[in-house]
Amino acid sequence: MAAPHRHRVPLLAAALRLLLWTAAALAAAALILSGNAGRATAQLLLSVLIGAPLLRVAYLSLRWARLGDWRYAAAGGLLLTVTAVGVAVSL
């Protein structure tokens, strides 16, 4: 018997698959382009590589909160908060 919540995972999997292909295309473009365009593409690639796992953490944190597992939801929220503060401080 399949899990009753199985239908929710394909959306996350599709988003992560799209981000994987986006990262591959950006990596190829960063290697081909030169100068500022290549540098900007590489920076965008890093944003995608950092953002993909954060998307998964955000999704899981919301799901844990909906299921009432507040300890894991708080840990995920804390990770996202620390990351956001780090980005804000580095700007």
PDB file of N, CA and C in Angstrom:
ATOM      1  N   MET A   1       0.841  -1.181   0.000  1.00  0.00           N
ATOM      2  CA  MET A   1       0.000   0.000   0.000  1.00  0.00           C
ATOM      3  C   MET A   1       0.889   1.248   0.000  1.00  0.00           C
ATOM      4  N   ALA A   2       0.567   2.202  -0.840  1.00  0.00           N
ATOM      5  CA  ALA A   2       1.343   3.429  -0.958  1.00  0.00           C
ATOM      6  C   ALA A   2       1.046   4.350   0.231  1.00  0.00           C
ATOM      7  N   ALA A   3       2.016   5.187   0.541  1.00  0.00           N
ATOM      8  CA  ALA A   3       1.842   6.139   1.621  1.00  0.00           C
ATOM      9  C   ALA A   3       0.791   7.176   1.218  1.00  0.00           C
ATOM     10  N   PRO A   4      -0.058   7.625   2.147  1.00  0.00           N
ATOM     11  CA  PRO A   4      -1.124   8.566   1.792  1.00  0.00           C
ATOM     12  C   PRO A   4      -0.605   9.940   1.377  1.00  0.00           C
ATOM     13  N   HIS A   5       0.595  10.308   1.781  1.00  0.00           N
ATOM     14  CA  HIS A   5       1.147  11.624   1.453  1.00  0.00           C
ATOM     15  C   HIS A   5       2.116  11.565   0.274  1.00  0.00           C
ATOM     16  N   ARG A   6       2.114  10.491  -0.456  1.00  0.00           N
ATOM     17  CA  ARG A   6       3.067  10.285  -1.533  1.00  0.00           C
ATOM     18  C   ARG A   6       2.911  11.298  -2.668  1.00  0.00           C
ATOM     19  N   HIS A   7       1.725  11.821  -2.858  1.00  0.00           N
ATOM     20  CA  HIS A   7       1.471  12.732  -3.968  1.00  0.00           C
ATOM     21  C   HIS A   7       2.159  14.084  -3.806  1.00  0.00           C
ATOM     22  N   ARG A   8       2.639  14.424  -2.647  1.00  0.00           N
ATOM     23  CA  ARG A   8       3.273  15.720  -2.431  1.00  0.00           C
ATOM     24  C   ARG A   8       4.725  15.749  -2.887  1.00  0.00           C
ATOM     25  N   VAL A   9       5.384  14.631  -2.895  1.00  0.00           N
ATOM     26  CA  VAL A   9       6.813  14.579  -3.181  1.00  0.00           C
ATOM     27  C   VAL A   9       7.149  14.877  -4.642  1.00  0.00           C
ATOM     28  N   PRO A  10       6.365  14.453  -5.634  1.00  0.00           N
ATOM     29  CA  PRO A  10       6.742  14.731  -7.019  1.00  0.00           C
ATOM     30  C   PRO A  10       6.918  16.210  -7.339  1.00  0.00           C
ATOM     31  N   LEU A  11       6.179  17.084  -6.689  1.00  0.00           N
ATOM     32  CA  LEU A  11       6.342  18.519  -6.937  1.00  0.00           C
ATOM     33  C   LEU A  11       7.725  18.985  -6.507  1.00  0.00           C
ATOM     34  N   LEU A  12       8.157  18.577  -5.330  1.00  0.00           N
ATOM     35  CA  LEU A  12       9.495  18.921  -4.861  1.00  0.00           C
ATOM     36  C   LEU A  12      10.545  18.281  -5.747  1.00  0.00           C
ATOM     37  N   ALA A  13      10.356  17.037  -6.119  1.00  0.00           N
ATOM     38  CA  ALA A  13      11.308  16.342  -6.986  1.00  0.00           C
ATOM     39  C   ALA A  13      11.415  17.029  -8.340  1.00  0.00           C
ATOM     40  N   ALA A  14      10.298  17.469  -8.889  1.00  0.00           N
ATOM     41  CA  ALA A  14      10.317  18.164 -10.185  1.00  0.00           C
ATOM     42  C   ALA A  14      11.051  19.491 -10.073  1.00  0.00           C
ATOM     43  N   ALA A  15      10.833  20.213  -8.989  1.00  0.00           N
ATOM     44  CA  ALA A  15      11.534  21.485  -8.797  1.00  0.00           C
ATOM     45  C   ALA A  15      13.037  21.265  -8.661  1.00  0.00           C
ATOM     46  N   LEU A  16      13.434  20.248  -7.905  1.00  0.00           N
ATOM     47  CA  LEU A  16      14.859  19.971  -7.734  1.00  0.00           C
ATOM     48  C   LEU A  16      15.485  19.476  -9.037  1.00  0.00           C
ATOM     49  N   ARG A  17      14.733  18.710  -9.820  1.00  0.00           N
ATOM     50  CA  ARG A  17      15.235  18.259 -11.129  1.00  0.00           C
ATOM     51  C   ARG A  17      15.430  19.453 -12.062  1.00  0.00           C
ATOM     52  N   LEU A  18      14.499  20.387 -12.049  1.00  0.00           N
ATOM     53  CA  LEU A  18      14.619  21.601 -12.861  1.00  0.00           C
ATOM     54  C   LEU A  18      15.839  22.409 -12.427  1.00  0.00           C
ATOM     55  N   LEU A  19      16.054  22.516 -11.133  1.00  0.00           N
ATOM     56  CA  LEU A  19      17.222  23.247 -10.638  1.00  0.00           C
ATOM     57  C   LEU A  19      18.523  22.539 -11.003  1.00  0.00           C
ATOM     58  N   LEU A  20      18.516  21.223 -11.048  1.00  0.00           N
ATOM     59  CA  LEU A  20      19.701  20.475 -11.468  1.00  0.00           C
ATOM     60  C   LEU A  20      20.058  20.789 -12.910  1.00  0.00           C
ATOM     61  N   TRP A  21      19.064  20.752 -13.797  1.00  0.00           N
ATOM     62  CA  TRP A  21      19.312  21.056 -15.205  1.00  0.00           C
ATOM     63  C   TRP A  21      19.683  22.518 -15.404  1.00  0.00           C
ATOM     64  N   THR A  22      19.100  23.395 -14.610  1.00  0.00           N
ATOM     65  CA  THR A  22      19.468  24.809 -14.667  1.00  0.00           C
ATOM     66  C   THR A  22      20.917  25.005 -14.254  1.00  0.00           C
ATOM     67  N   ALA A  23      21.336  24.314 -13.200  1.00  0.00           N
ATOM     68  CA  ALA A  23      22.724  24.414 -12.747  1.00  0.00           C
ATOM     69  C   ALA A  23      23.679  23.875 -13.800  1.00  0.00           C
ATOM     70  N   ALA A  24      23.313  22.793 -14.455  1.00  0.00           N
ATOM     71  CA  ALA A  24      24.169  22.237 -15.504  1.00  0.00           C
ATOM     72  C   ALA A  24      24.306  23.211 -16.668  1.00  0.00           C
ATOM     73  N   ALA A  25      23.203  23.821 -17.064  1.00  0.00           N
ATOM     74  CA  ALA A  25      23.251  24.792 -18.163  1.00  0.00           C
ATOM     75  C   ALA A  25      24.064  26.022 -17.775  1.00  0.00           C
ATOM     76  N   LEU A  26      23.898  26.488 -16.542  1.00  0.00           N
ATOM     77  CA  LEU A  26      24.672  27.645 -16.086  1.00  0.00           C
ATOM     78  C   LEU A  26      26.159  27.324 -15.993  1.00  0.00           C
ATOM     79  N   ALA A  27      26.493  26.114 -15.566  1.00  0.00           N
ATOM     80  CA  ALA A  27      27.900  25.721 -15.493  1.00  0.00           C
ATOM     81  C   ALA A  27      28.526  25.701 -16.882  1.00  0.00           C
ATOM     82  N   ALA A  28      27.802  25.162 -17.848  1.00  0.00           N
ATOM     83  CA  ALA A  28      28.314  25.146 -19.226  1.00  0.00           C
ATOM     84  C   ALA A  28      28.463  26.563 -19.754  1.00  0.00           C
ATOM     85  N   ALA A  29      27.479  27.404 -19.489  1.00  0.00           N
ATOM     86  CA  ALA A  29      27.547  28.789 -19.955  1.00  0.00           C
ATOM     87  C   ALA A  29      28.688  29.546 -19.285  1.00  0.00           C
ATOM     88  N   ALA A  30      28.918  29.294 -17.998  1.00  0.00           N
ATOM     89  CA  ALA A  30      30.007  29.971 -17.290  1.00  0.00           C
ATOM     90  C   ALA A  30      31.365  29.569 -17.853  1.00  0.00           C
ATOM     91  N   LEU A  31      31.493  28.326 -18.329  1.00  0.00           N
ATOM     92  CA  LEU A  31      32.742  27.888 -18.930  1.00  0.00           C
ATOM     93  C   LEU A  31      32.956  28.491 -20.313  1.00  0.00           C
ATOM     94  N   ILE A  32      31.871  28.698 -21.035  1.00  0.00           N
ATOM     95  CA  ILE A  32      31.972  29.205 -22.403  1.00  0.00           C
ATOM     96  C   ILE A  32      32.142  30.715 -22.439  1.00  0.00           C
ATOM     97  N   LEU A  33      31.387  31.422 -21.613  1.00  0.00           N
ATOM     98  CA  LEU A  33      31.423  32.884 -21.628  1.00  0.00           C
ATOM     99  C   LEU A  33      32.699  33.399 -20.981  1.00  0.00           C
ATOM    100  N   SER A  34      33.109  34.563 -21.402  1.00  0.00           N
ATOM    101  CA  SER A  34      34.322  35.148 -20.821  1.00  0.00           C
ATOM    102  C   SER A  34      34.003  36.511 -20.225  1.00  0.00           C
ATOM    103  N   GLY A  35      34.897  36.995 -19.422  1.00  0.00           N
ATOM    104  CA  GLY A  35      34.755  38.330 -18.841  1.00  0.00           C
ATOM    105  C   GLY A  35      33.638  38.412 -17.826  1.00  0.00           C
ATOM    106  N   ASN A  36      32.977  39.579 -17.842  1.00  0.00           N
ATOM    107  CA  ASN A  36      31.917  39.838 -16.863  1.00  0.00           C
ATOM    108  C   ASN A  36      30.710  38.919 -17.045  1.00  0.00           C
ATOM    109  N   ALA A  37      30.409  38.547 -18.276  1.00  0.00           N
ATOM    110  CA  ALA A  37      29.264  37.661 -18.514  1.00  0.00           C
ATOM    111  C   ALA A  37      29.511  36.287 -17.889  1.00  0.00           C
ATOM    112  N   GLY A  38      30.719  35.760 -18.035  1.00  0.00           N
ATOM    113  CA  GLY A  38      31.055  34.475 -17.432  1.00  0.00           C
ATOM    114  C   GLY A  38      31.042  34.540 -15.917  1.00  0.00           C
ATOM    115  N   ARG A  39      31.536  35.646 -15.379  1.00  0.00           N
ATOM    116  CA  ARG A  39      31.550  35.827 -13.929  1.00  0.00           C
ATOM    117  C   ARG A  39      30.132  35.933 -13.376  1.00  0.00           C
ATOM    118  N   ALA A  40      29.272  36.673 -14.064  1.00  0.00           N
ATOM    119  CA  ALA A  40      27.883  36.817 -13.615  1.00  0.00           C
ATOM    120  C   ALA A  40      27.142  35.478 -13.704  1.00  0.00           C
ATOM    121  N   THR A  41      27.436  34.710 -14.748  1.00  0.00           N
ATOM    122  CA  THR A  41      26.813  33.400 -14.885  1.00  0.00           C
ATOM    123  C   THR A  41      27.274  32.466 -13.773  1.00  0.00           C
ATOM    124  N   ALA A  42      28.549  32.526 -13.437  1.00  0.00           N
ATOM    125  CA  ALA A  42      29.079  31.695 -12.350  1.00  0.00           C
ATOM    126  C   ALA A  42      28.448  32.071 -11.009  1.00  0.00           C
ATOM    127  N   GLN A  43      28.223  33.364 -10.795  1.00  0.00           N
ATOM    128  CA  GLN A  43      27.572  33.798  -9.556  1.00  0.00           C
ATOM    129  C   GLN A  43      26.123  33.320  -9.503  1.00  0.00           C
ATOM    130  N   LEU A  44      25.451  33.357 -10.638  1.00  0.00           N
ATOM    131  CA  LEU A  44      24.089  32.833 -10.700  1.00  0.00           C
ATOM    132  C   LEU A  44      24.076  31.327 -10.448  1.00  0.00           C
ATOM    133  N   LEU A  45      25.068  30.633 -10.976  1.00  0.00           N
ATOM    134  CA  LEU A  45      25.198  29.195 -10.726  1.00  0.00           C
ATOM    135  C   LEU A  45      25.356  28.920  -9.230  1.00  0.00           C
ATOM    136  N   LEU A  46      26.187  29.683  -8.561  1.00  0.00           N
ATOM    137  CA  LEU A  46      26.354  29.498  -7.116  1.00  0.00           C
ATOM    138  C   LEU A  46      25.052  29.759  -6.369  1.00  0.00           C
ATOM    139  N   SER A  47      24.302  30.739  -6.813  1.00  0.00           N
ATOM    140  CA  SER A  47      23.005  31.014  -6.178  1.00  0.00           C
ATOM    141  C   SER A  47      22.057  29.834  -6.330  1.00  0.00           C
ATOM    142  N   VAL A  48      22.051  29.220  -7.501  1.00  0.00           N
ATOM    143  CA  VAL A  48      21.187  28.050  -7.728  1.00  0.00           C
ATOM    144  C   VAL A  48      21.665  26.878  -6.869  1.00  0.00           C
ATOM    145  N   LEU A  49      22.983  26.670  -6.806  1.00  0.00           N
ATOM    146  CA  LEU A  49      23.518  25.553  -6.025  1.00  0.00           C
ATOM    147  C   LEU A  49      23.267  25.714  -4.530  1.00  0.00           C
ATOM    148  N   ILE A  50      23.232  26.940  -4.063  1.00  0.00           N
ATOM    149  CA  ILE A  50      22.940  27.186  -2.649  1.00  0.00           C
ATOM    150  C   ILE A  50      21.435  27.177  -2.411  1.00  0.00           C
ATOM    151  N   GLY A  51      20.680  27.687  -3.367  1.00  0.00           N
ATOM    152  CA  GLY A  51      19.231  27.804  -3.203  1.00  0.00           C
ATOM    153  C   GLY A  51      18.481  26.487  -3.260  1.00  0.00           C
ATOM    154  N   ALA A  52      18.988  25.518  -4.025  1.00  0.00           N
ATOM    155  CA  ALA A  52      18.275  24.244  -4.171  1.00  0.00           C
ATOM    156  C   ALA A  52      18.126  23.504  -2.835  1.00  0.00           C
ATOM    157  N   PRO A  53      19.192  23.327  -2.079  1.00  0.00           N
ATOM    158  CA  PRO A  53      19.004  22.671  -0.775  1.00  0.00           C
ATOM    159  C   PRO A  53      18.164  23.500   0.201  1.00  0.00           C
ATOM    160  N   LEU A  54      18.272  24.833   0.093  1.00  0.00           N
ATOM    161  CA  LEU A  54      17.461  25.675   0.967  1.00  0.00           C
ATOM    162  C   LEU A  54      15.982  25.559   0.628  1.00  0.00           C
ATOM    163  N   LEU A  55      15.669  25.369  -0.644  1.00  0.00           N
ATOM    164  CA  LEU A  55      14.286  25.126  -1.045  1.00  0.00           C
ATOM    165  C   LEU A  55      13.770  23.849  -0.406  1.00  0.00           C
ATOM    166  N   ARG A  56      14.591  22.820  -0.405  1.00  0.00           N
ATOM    167  CA  ARG A  56      14.184  21.556   0.193  1.00  0.00           C
ATOM    168  C   ARG A  56      13.997  21.697   1.703  1.00  0.00           C
ATOM    169  N   VAL A  57      14.885  22.450   2.355  1.00  0.00           N
ATOM    170  CA  VAL A  57      14.748  22.664   3.799  1.00  0.00           C
ATOM    171  C   VAL A  57      13.473  23.444   4.102  1.00  0.00           C
ATOM    172  N   ALA A  58      13.183  24.457   3.291  1.00  0.00           N
ATOM    173  CA  ALA A  58      11.959  25.239   3.504  1.00  0.00           C
ATOM    174  C   ALA A  58      10.720  24.368   3.334  1.00  0.00           C
ATOM    175  N   TYR A  59      10.712  23.550   2.279  1.00  0.00           N
ATOM    176  CA  TYR A  59       9.584  22.653   2.039  1.00  0.00           C
ATOM    177  C   TYR A  59       9.399  21.691   3.213  1.00  0.00           C
ATOM    178  N   LEU A  60      10.496  21.075   3.639  1.00  0.00           N
ATOM    179  CA  LEU A  60      10.393  20.111   4.741  1.00  0.00           C
ATOM    180  C   LEU A  60      10.009  20.782   6.049  1.00  0.00           C
ATOM    181  N   SER A  61      10.500  21.992   6.296  1.00  0.00           N
ATOM    182  CA  SER A  61      10.141  22.698   7.529  1.00  0.00           C
ATOM    183  C   SER A  61       8.647  22.987   7.577  1.00  0.00           C
ATOM    184  N   LEU A  62       8.095  23.434   6.456  1.00  0.00           N
ATOM    185  CA  LEU A  62       6.649  23.676   6.410  1.00  0.00           C
ATOM    186  C   LEU A  62       5.867  22.381   6.600  1.00  0.00           C
ATOM    187  N   ARG A  63       6.363  21.337   5.987  1.00  0.00           N
ATOM    188  CA  ARG A  63       5.680  20.047   6.119  1.00  0.00           C
ATOM    189  C   ARG A  63       5.745  19.520   7.558  1.00  0.00           C
ATOM    190  N   TRP A  64       6.918  19.651   8.183  1.00  0.00           N
ATOM    191  CA  TRP A  64       7.043  19.221   9.572  1.00  0.00           C
ATOM    192  C   TRP A  64       6.132  20.039  10.479  1.00  0.00           C
ATOM    193  N   ALA A  65       6.018  21.342  10.199  1.00  0.00           N
ATOM    194  CA  ALA A  65       5.137  22.184  11.012  1.00  0.00           C
ATOM    195  C   ALA A  65       3.679  21.742  10.843  1.00  0.00           C
ATOM    196  N   ARG A  66       3.281  21.414   9.607  1.00  0.00           N
ATOM    197  CA  ARG A  66       1.914  20.950   9.367  1.00  0.00           C
ATOM    198  C   ARG A  66       1.634  19.630  10.079  1.00  0.00           C
ATOM    199  N   LEU A  67       2.654  18.781  10.165  1.00  0.00           N
ATOM    200  CA  LEU A  67       2.489  17.487  10.819  1.00  0.00           C
ATOM    201  C   LEU A  67       2.618  17.574  12.337  1.00  0.00           C
ATOM    202  N   GLY A  68       3.007  18.755  12.841  1.00  0.00           N
ATOM    203  CA  GLY A  68       3.129  18.942  14.279  1.00  0.00           C
ATOM    204  C   GLY A  68       4.477  18.556  14.856  1.00  0.00           C
ATOM    205  N   ASP A  69       5.459  18.321  14.012  1.00  0.00           N
ATOM    206  CA  ASP A  69       6.806  17.992  14.493  1.00  0.00           C
ATOM    207  C   ASP A  69       7.594  19.294  14.627  1.00  0.00           C
ATOM    208  N   TRP A  70       7.333  19.994  15.726  1.00  0.00           N
ATOM    209  CA  TRP A  70       7.844  21.349  15.900  1.00  0.00           C
ATOM    210  C   TRP A  70       9.348  21.401  16.085  1.00  0.00           C
ATOM    211  N   ARG A  71       9.942  20.338  16.601  1.00  0.00           N
ATOM    212  CA  ARG A  71      11.392  20.341  16.814  1.00  0.00           C
ATOM    213  C   ARG A  71      12.124  20.421  15.477  1.00  0.00           C
ATOM    214  N   TYR A  72      11.734  19.578  14.520  1.00  0.00           N
ATOM    215  CA  TYR A  72      12.366  19.607  13.206  1.00  0.00           C
ATOM    216  C   TYR A  72      11.998  20.874  12.440  1.00  0.00           C
ATOM    217  N   ALA A  73      10.774  21.336  12.580  1.00  0.00           N
ATOM    218  CA  ALA A  73      10.354  22.575  11.917  1.00  0.00           C
ATOM    219  C   ALA A  73      11.179  23.753  12.431  1.00  0.00           C
ATOM    220  N   ALA A  74      11.423  23.780  13.744  1.00  0.00           N
ATOM    221  CA  ALA A  74      12.227  24.863  14.324  1.00  0.00           C
ATOM    222  C   ALA A  74      13.675  24.771  13.870  1.00  0.00           C
ATOM    223  N   ALA A  75      14.209  23.564  13.768  1.00  0.00           N
ATOM    224  CA  ALA A  75      15.589  23.401  13.296  1.00  0.00           C
ATOM    225  C   ALA A  75      15.728  23.881  11.857  1.00  0.00           C
ATOM    226  N   GLY A  76      14.766  23.535  11.013  1.00  0.00           N
ATOM    227  CA  GLY A  76      14.794  24.007   9.632  1.00  0.00           C
ATOM    228  C   GLY A  76      14.637  25.510   9.552  1.00  0.00           C
ATOM    229  N   GLY A  77      13.739  26.065  10.337  1.00  0.00           N
ATOM    230  CA  GLY A  77      13.561  27.518  10.381  1.00  0.00           C
ATOM    231  C   GLY A  77      14.808  28.230  10.861  1.00  0.00           C
ATOM    232  N   LEU A  78      15.474  27.647  11.842  1.00  0.00           N
ATOM    233  CA  LEU A  78      16.716  28.236  12.340  1.00  0.00           C
ATOM    234  C   LEU A  78      17.800  28.220  11.267  1.00  0.00           C
ATOM    235  N   LEU A  79      17.900  27.128  10.542  1.00  0.00           N
ATOM    236  CA  LEU A  79      18.875  27.047   9.453  1.00  0.00           C
ATOM    237  C   LEU A  79      18.596  28.100   8.391  1.00  0.00           C
ATOM    238  N   LEU A  80      17.343  28.260   8.015  1.00  0.00           N
ATOM    239  CA  LEU A  80      16.985  29.277   7.029  1.00  0.00           C
ATOM    240  C   LEU A  80      17.247  30.688   7.548  1.00  0.00           C
ATOM    241  N   THR A  81      16.991  30.914   8.835  1.00  0.00           N
ATOM    242  CA  THR A  81      17.245  32.226   9.433  1.00  0.00           C
ATOM    243  C   THR A  81      18.730  32.547   9.457  1.00  0.00           C
ATOM    244  N   VAL A  82      19.539  31.586   9.856  1.00  0.00           N
ATOM    245  CA  VAL A  82      20.995  31.797   9.886  1.00  0.00           C
ATOM    246  C   VAL A  82      21.522  32.092   8.485  1.00  0.00           C
ATOM    247  N   THR A  83      21.003  31.385   7.496  1.00  0.00           N
ATOM    248  CA  THR A  83      21.423  31.628   6.120  1.00  0.00           C
ATOM    249  C   THR A  83      21.013  33.017   5.667  1.00  0.00           C
ATOM    250  N   ALA A  84      19.786  33.427   5.964  1.00  0.00           N
ATOM    251  CA  ALA A  84      19.305  34.752   5.561  1.00  0.00           C
ATOM    252  C   ALA A  84      20.109  35.854   6.239  1.00  0.00           C
ATOM    253  N   VAL A  85      20.430  35.674   7.521  1.00  0.00           N
ATOM    254  CA  VAL A  85      21.228  36.675   8.234  1.00  0.00           C
ATOM    255  C   VAL A  85      22.629  36.740   7.642  1.00  0.00           C
ATOM    256  N   GLY A  86      23.200  35.592   7.296  1.00  0.00           N
ATOM    257  CA  GLY A  86      24.522  35.577   6.665  1.00  0.00           C
ATOM    258  C   GLY A  86      24.533  36.297   5.336  1.00  0.00           C
ATOM    259  N   VAL A  87      23.488  36.119   4.548  1.00  0.00           N
ATOM    260  CA  VAL A  87      23.395  36.817   3.267  1.00  0.00           C
ATOM    261  C   VAL A  87      23.229  38.313   3.495  1.00  0.00           C
ATOM    262  N   ALA A  88      22.381  38.679   4.454  1.00  0.00           N
ATOM    263  CA  ALA A  88      22.148  40.093   4.720  1.00  0.00           C
ATOM    264  C   ALA A  88      23.411  40.793   5.234  1.00  0.00           C
ATOM    265  N   VAL A  89      24.173  40.121   6.052  1.00  0.00           N
ATOM    266  CA  VAL A  89      25.399  40.717   6.594  1.00  0.00           C
ATOM    267  C   VAL A  89      26.469  40.856   5.496  1.00  0.00           C
ATOM    268  N   SER A  90      26.482  39.921   4.565  1.00  0.00           N
ATOM    269  CA  SER A  90      27.518  39.968   3.531  1.00  0.00           C
ATOM    270  C   SER A  90      27.245  41.003   2.448  1.00  0.00           C
ATOM    271  N   LEU A  91      26.027  41.547   2.398  1.00  0.00           N
ATOM    272  CA  LEU A  91      25.708  42.543   1.370  1.00  0.00           C
ATOM    273  C   LEU A  91      26.251  43.877   1.690  1.00  0.00           C
TER     274      LEU A  91
END
